[in-house]
Amino acid sequence: MKIYQRLFQNHSGSVLQIVLIVFMMLTFALSITTFSILQSGRNLKSIDTLMKQKNLEIFLVKYYSDSVQNDILLSDDYSFQNYQIETTVDDLGDHYEVVTTIETIDYQYQFLTEIEVETGTVLNFEYIEGGYI
């Protein structure tokens, strides 16, 4: 009878330890899964923001090129949705230098676009260092 009591007591301790380890493993797996889901959501939001920025940049450069071909390109300020866009145009004779500042609640950055006067082709596109917040 004493042997059974000893086995039962040791077995109860072992079962408790196993249950505790399984609980800790489940808690760890749940927390890792939750962190992974939250991180994926943040990544998707960042990708969406970057895609909107790139689409806006492509649209603006196309607009500048079309304006040079069909009309005259002038400095201007635009505002739509959450974007403030300021363009500064310098006429350098054979090409225009357009500095564009894009500002939202979250960020601000600048890029330089050089466009040939006669054909409207984009000669250069680069981000201005120090134009980021």
C-alpha atoms as a PDB file:
ATOM      1  CA  MET A   1       0.000   0.000   0.000  1.00  0.00           C
ATOM      2  CA  LYS A   2       2.868   2.380   0.803  1.00  0.00           C
ATOM      3  CA  ILE A   3       4.381   1.695  -2.600  1.00  0.00           C
ATOM      4  CA  TYR A   4       1.151   2.771  -4.309  1.00  0.00           C
ATOM      5  CA  GLN A   5       0.940   5.920  -2.226  1.00  0.00           C
ATOM      6  CA  ARG A   6       4.525   6.805  -3.146  1.00  0.00           C
ATOM      7  CA  LEU A   7       3.901   6.141  -6.836  1.00  0.00           C
ATOM      8  CA  PHE A   8       0.700   8.129  -6.730  1.00  0.00           C
ATOM      9  CA  GLN A   9       2.363  11.097  -5.012  1.00  0.00           C
ATOM     10  CA  ASN A  10       5.325  11.111  -7.385  1.00  0.00           C
ATOM     11  CA  HIS A  11       3.002  10.592 -10.329  1.00  0.00           C
ATOM     12  CA  SER A  12       0.815  13.515  -9.236  1.00  0.00           C
ATOM     13  CA  GLY A  13       3.856  15.768  -9.078  1.00  0.00           C
ATOM     14  CA  SER A  14       4.960  14.621 -12.518  1.00  0.00           C
ATOM     15  CA  VAL A  15       1.507  15.215 -13.982  1.00  0.00           C
ATOM     16  CA  LEU A  16       1.435  18.692 -12.466  1.00  0.00           C
ATOM     17  CA  GLN A  17       4.853  19.452 -13.934  1.00  0.00           C
ATOM     18  CA  ILE A  18       3.780  18.190 -17.358  1.00  0.00           C
ATOM     19  CA  VAL A  19       0.580  20.266 -17.258  1.00  0.00           C
ATOM     20  CA  LEU A  20       2.605  23.326 -16.248  1.00  0.00           C
ATOM     21  CA  ILE A  21       5.105  22.797 -19.096  1.00  0.00           C
ATOM     22  CA  VAL A  22       2.301  22.284 -21.626  1.00  0.00           C
ATOM     23  CA  PHE A  23       0.583  25.449 -20.361  1.00  0.00           C
ATOM     24  CA  MET A  24       3.823  27.422 -20.667  1.00  0.00           C
ATOM     25  CA  MET A  25       4.388  26.108 -24.205  1.00  0.00           C
ATOM     26  CA  LEU A  26       0.836  27.028 -25.260  1.00  0.00           C
ATOM     27  CA  THR A  27       1.182  30.501 -23.738  1.00  0.00           C
ATOM     28  CA  PHE A  28       4.517  30.994 -25.527  1.00  0.00           C
ATOM     29  CA  ALA A  29       3.077  29.801 -28.861  1.00  0.00           C
ATOM     30  CA  LEU A  30       0.039  32.051 -28.461  1.00  0.00           C
ATOM     31  CA  SER A  31       2.151  35.099 -27.656  1.00  0.00           C
ATOM     32  CA  ILE A  32       4.494  34.439 -30.623  1.00  0.00           C
ATOM     33  CA  THR A  33       1.501  34.017 -32.947  1.00  0.00           C
ATOM     34  CA  THR A  34      -0.102  37.227 -31.685  1.00  0.00           C
ATOM     35  CA  PHE A  35       3.163  39.145 -32.119  1.00  0.00           C
ATOM     36  CA  SER A  36       3.547  37.760 -35.639  1.00  0.00           C
ATOM     37  CA  ILE A  37       0.013  38.806 -36.612  1.00  0.00           C
ATOM     38  CA  LEU A  38       0.498  42.321 -35.224  1.00  0.00           C
ATOM     39  CA  GLN A  39       3.850  42.678 -36.990  1.00  0.00           C
ATOM     40  CA  SER A  40       2.314  41.521 -40.271  1.00  0.00           C
ATOM     41  CA  GLY A  41      -0.407  44.154 -39.906  1.00  0.00           C
ATOM     42  CA  ARG A  42       2.204  46.874 -39.360  1.00  0.00           C
ATOM     43  CA  ASN A  43       4.167  45.642 -42.372  1.00  0.00           C
ATOM     44  CA  LEU A  44       1.089  45.725 -44.578  1.00  0.00           C
ATOM     45  CA  LYS A  45       0.331  49.279 -43.473  1.00  0.00           C
ATOM     46  CA  SER A  46       3.915  50.320 -44.276  1.00  0.00           C
ATOM     47  CA  ILE A  47       3.752  48.667 -47.688  1.00  0.00           C
ATOM     48  CA  ASP A  48       0.447  50.415 -48.404  1.00  0.00           C
ATOM     49  CA  THR A  49       1.962  53.783 -47.456  1.00  0.00           C
ATOM     50  CA  LEU A  50       5.016  53.165 -49.650  1.00  0.00           C
ATOM     51  CA  MET A  51       2.844  52.150 -52.604  1.00  0.00           C
ATOM     52  CA  LYS A  52       0.761  55.333 -52.234  1.00  0.00           C
ATOM     53  CA  GLN A  53       3.966  57.401 -52.142  1.00  0.00           C
ATOM     54  CA  LYS A  54       5.349  55.737 -55.268  1.00  0.00           C
ATOM     55  CA  ASN A  55       2.076  56.111 -57.160  1.00  0.00           C
ATOM     56  CA  LEU A  56       1.930  59.791 -56.228  1.00  0.00           C
ATOM     57  CA  GLU A  57       5.529  60.319 -57.338  1.00  0.00           C
ATOM     58  CA  ILE A  58       4.890  58.590 -60.672  1.00  0.00           C
ATOM     59  CA  PHE A  59       1.747  60.644 -61.208  1.00  0.00           C
ATOM     60  CA  LEU A  60       3.517  63.925 -60.401  1.00  0.00           C
ATOM     61  CA  VAL A  61       6.494  63.212 -62.671  1.00  0.00           C
ATOM     62  CA  LYS A  62       4.107  62.275 -65.490  1.00  0.00           C
ATOM     63  CA  TYR A  63       2.157  65.488 -64.857  1.00  0.00           C
ATOM     64  CA  TYR A  64       5.370  67.543 -64.984  1.00  0.00           C
ATOM     65  CA  SER A  65       6.443  65.901 -68.227  1.00  0.00           C
ATOM     66  CA  ASP A  66       3.026  66.421 -69.849  1.00  0.00           C
ATOM     67  CA  SER A  67       2.932  70.056 -68.685  1.00  0.00           C
ATOM     68  CA  VAL A  68       6.322  70.726 -70.265  1.00  0.00           C
ATOM     69  CA  GLN A  69       5.221  69.187 -73.570  1.00  0.00           C
ATOM     70  CA  ASN A  70       1.778  70.796 -73.757  1.00  0.00           C
ATOM     71  CA  ASP A  71       2.006  73.959 -71.711  1.00  0.00           C
ATOM     72  CA  ILE A  72       4.283  75.758 -69.292  1.00  0.00           C
ATOM     73  CA  LEU A  73       5.330  74.269 -65.972  1.00  0.00           C
ATOM     74  CA  LEU A  74       4.860  76.611 -63.013  1.00  0.00           C
ATOM     75  CA  SER A  75       5.521  76.395 -59.286  1.00  0.00           C
ATOM     76  CA  ASP A  76       2.378  75.566 -57.355  1.00  0.00           C
ATOM     77  CA  ASP A  77       0.894  74.183 -54.146  1.00  0.00           C
ATOM     78  CA  TYR A  78      -1.566  71.304 -54.086  1.00  0.00           C
ATOM     79  CA  SER A  79      -3.647  69.948 -51.256  1.00  0.00           C
ATOM     80  CA  PHE A  80      -5.820  66.852 -51.326  1.00  0.00           C
ATOM     81  CA  GLN A  81      -6.817  64.240 -48.773  1.00  0.00           C
ATOM     82  CA  ASN A  82      -3.996  64.356 -46.184  1.00  0.00           C
ATOM     83  CA  TYR A  83      -1.286  65.475 -48.613  1.00  0.00           C
ATOM     84  CA  GLN A  84       0.316  68.914 -48.947  1.00  0.00           C
ATOM     85  CA  ILE A  85       2.373  69.086 -52.142  1.00  0.00           C
ATOM     86  CA  GLU A  86       4.579  72.045 -52.988  1.00  0.00           C
ATOM     87  CA  THR A  87       6.453  72.273 -56.278  1.00  0.00           C
ATOM     88  CA  THR A  88       9.199  74.753 -57.067  1.00  0.00           C
ATOM     89  CA  VAL A  89      10.199  75.007 -60.732  1.00  0.00           C
ATOM     90  CA  ASP A  90      13.525  76.443 -61.920  1.00  0.00           C
ATOM     91  CA  ASP A  91      13.900  77.091 -65.658  1.00  0.00           C
ATOM     92  CA  LEU A  92      17.540  76.445 -66.556  1.00  0.00           C
ATOM     93  CA  GLY A  93      17.174  77.024 -70.288  1.00  0.00           C
ATOM     94  CA  ASP A  94      17.418  73.537 -71.759  1.00  0.00           C
ATOM     95  CA  HIS A  95      15.769  71.784 -68.808  1.00  0.00           C
ATOM     96  CA  TYR A  96      13.573  72.395 -65.787  1.00  0.00           C
ATOM     97  CA  GLU A  97      14.511  71.469 -62.236  1.00  0.00           C
ATOM     98  CA  VAL A  98      11.425  70.686 -60.202  1.00  0.00           C
ATOM     99  CA  VAL A  99      11.762  70.306 -56.433  1.00  0.00           C
ATOM    100  CA  THR A 100       8.696  68.657 -54.943  1.00  0.00           C
ATOM    101  CA  THR A 101       7.943  68.601 -51.223  1.00  0.00           C
ATOM    102  CA  ILE A 102       5.326  66.102 -50.069  1.00  0.00           C
ATOM    103  CA  GLU A 103       4.029  66.454 -46.537  1.00  0.00           C
ATOM    104  CA  THR A 104       1.503  64.454 -44.542  1.00  0.00           C
ATOM    105  CA  ILE A 105       0.815  64.073 -40.855  1.00  0.00           C
ATOM    106  CA  ASP A 106       3.310  61.188 -40.643  1.00  0.00           C
ATOM    107  CA  TYR A 107       6.177  62.241 -42.903  1.00  0.00           C
ATOM    108  CA  GLN A 108       7.723  64.877 -45.139  1.00  0.00           C
ATOM    109  CA  TYR A 109      10.211  64.351 -47.960  1.00  0.00           C
ATOM    110  CA  GLN A 110      11.514  66.025 -51.099  1.00  0.00           C
ATOM    111  CA  PHE A 111      12.613  64.890 -54.523  1.00  0.00           C
ATOM    112  CA  LEU A 112      14.226  66.577 -57.485  1.00  0.00           C
ATOM    113  CA  THR A 113      13.116  65.978 -61.060  1.00  0.00           C
ATOM    114  CA  GLU A 114      14.954  67.314 -64.089  1.00  0.00           C
ATOM    115  CA  ILE A 115      12.885  67.488 -67.295  1.00  0.00           C
ATOM    116  CA  GLU A 116      14.118  68.413 -70.744  1.00  0.00           C
ATOM    117  CA  VAL A 117      12.295  71.446 -72.193  1.00  0.00           C
ATOM    118  CA  GLU A 118      11.937  70.336 -75.823  1.00  0.00           C
ATOM    119  CA  THR A 119      10.876  66.706 -75.444  1.00  0.00           C
ATOM    120  CA  GLY A 120       9.547  66.535 -71.898  1.00  0.00           C
ATOM    121  CA  THR A 121      11.719  63.526 -71.063  1.00  0.00           C
ATOM    122  CA  VAL A 122      12.810  63.002 -67.496  1.00  0.00           C
ATOM    123  CA  LEU A 123      16.565  63.456 -67.275  1.00  0.00           C
ATOM    124  CA  ASN A 124      16.980  62.813 -63.567  1.00  0.00           C
ATOM    125  CA  PHE A 125      14.942  61.817 -60.548  1.00  0.00           C
ATOM    126  CA  GLU A 126      16.466  61.748 -57.073  1.00  0.00           C
ATOM    127  CA  TYR A 127      15.461  62.153 -53.461  1.00  0.00           C
ATOM    128  CA  ILE A 128      16.910  65.154 -51.686  1.00  0.00           C
ATOM    129  CA  GLU A 129      18.894  64.154 -48.645  1.00  0.00           C
ATOM    130  CA  GLY A 130      17.813  65.936 -45.523  1.00  0.00           C
ATOM    131  CA  GLY A 131      14.323  66.412 -46.911  1.00  0.00           C
ATOM    132  CA  TYR A 132      12.926  63.726 -44.598  1.00  0.00           C
ATOM    133  CA  ILE A 133      11.513  64.230 -41.137  1.00  0.00           C
END
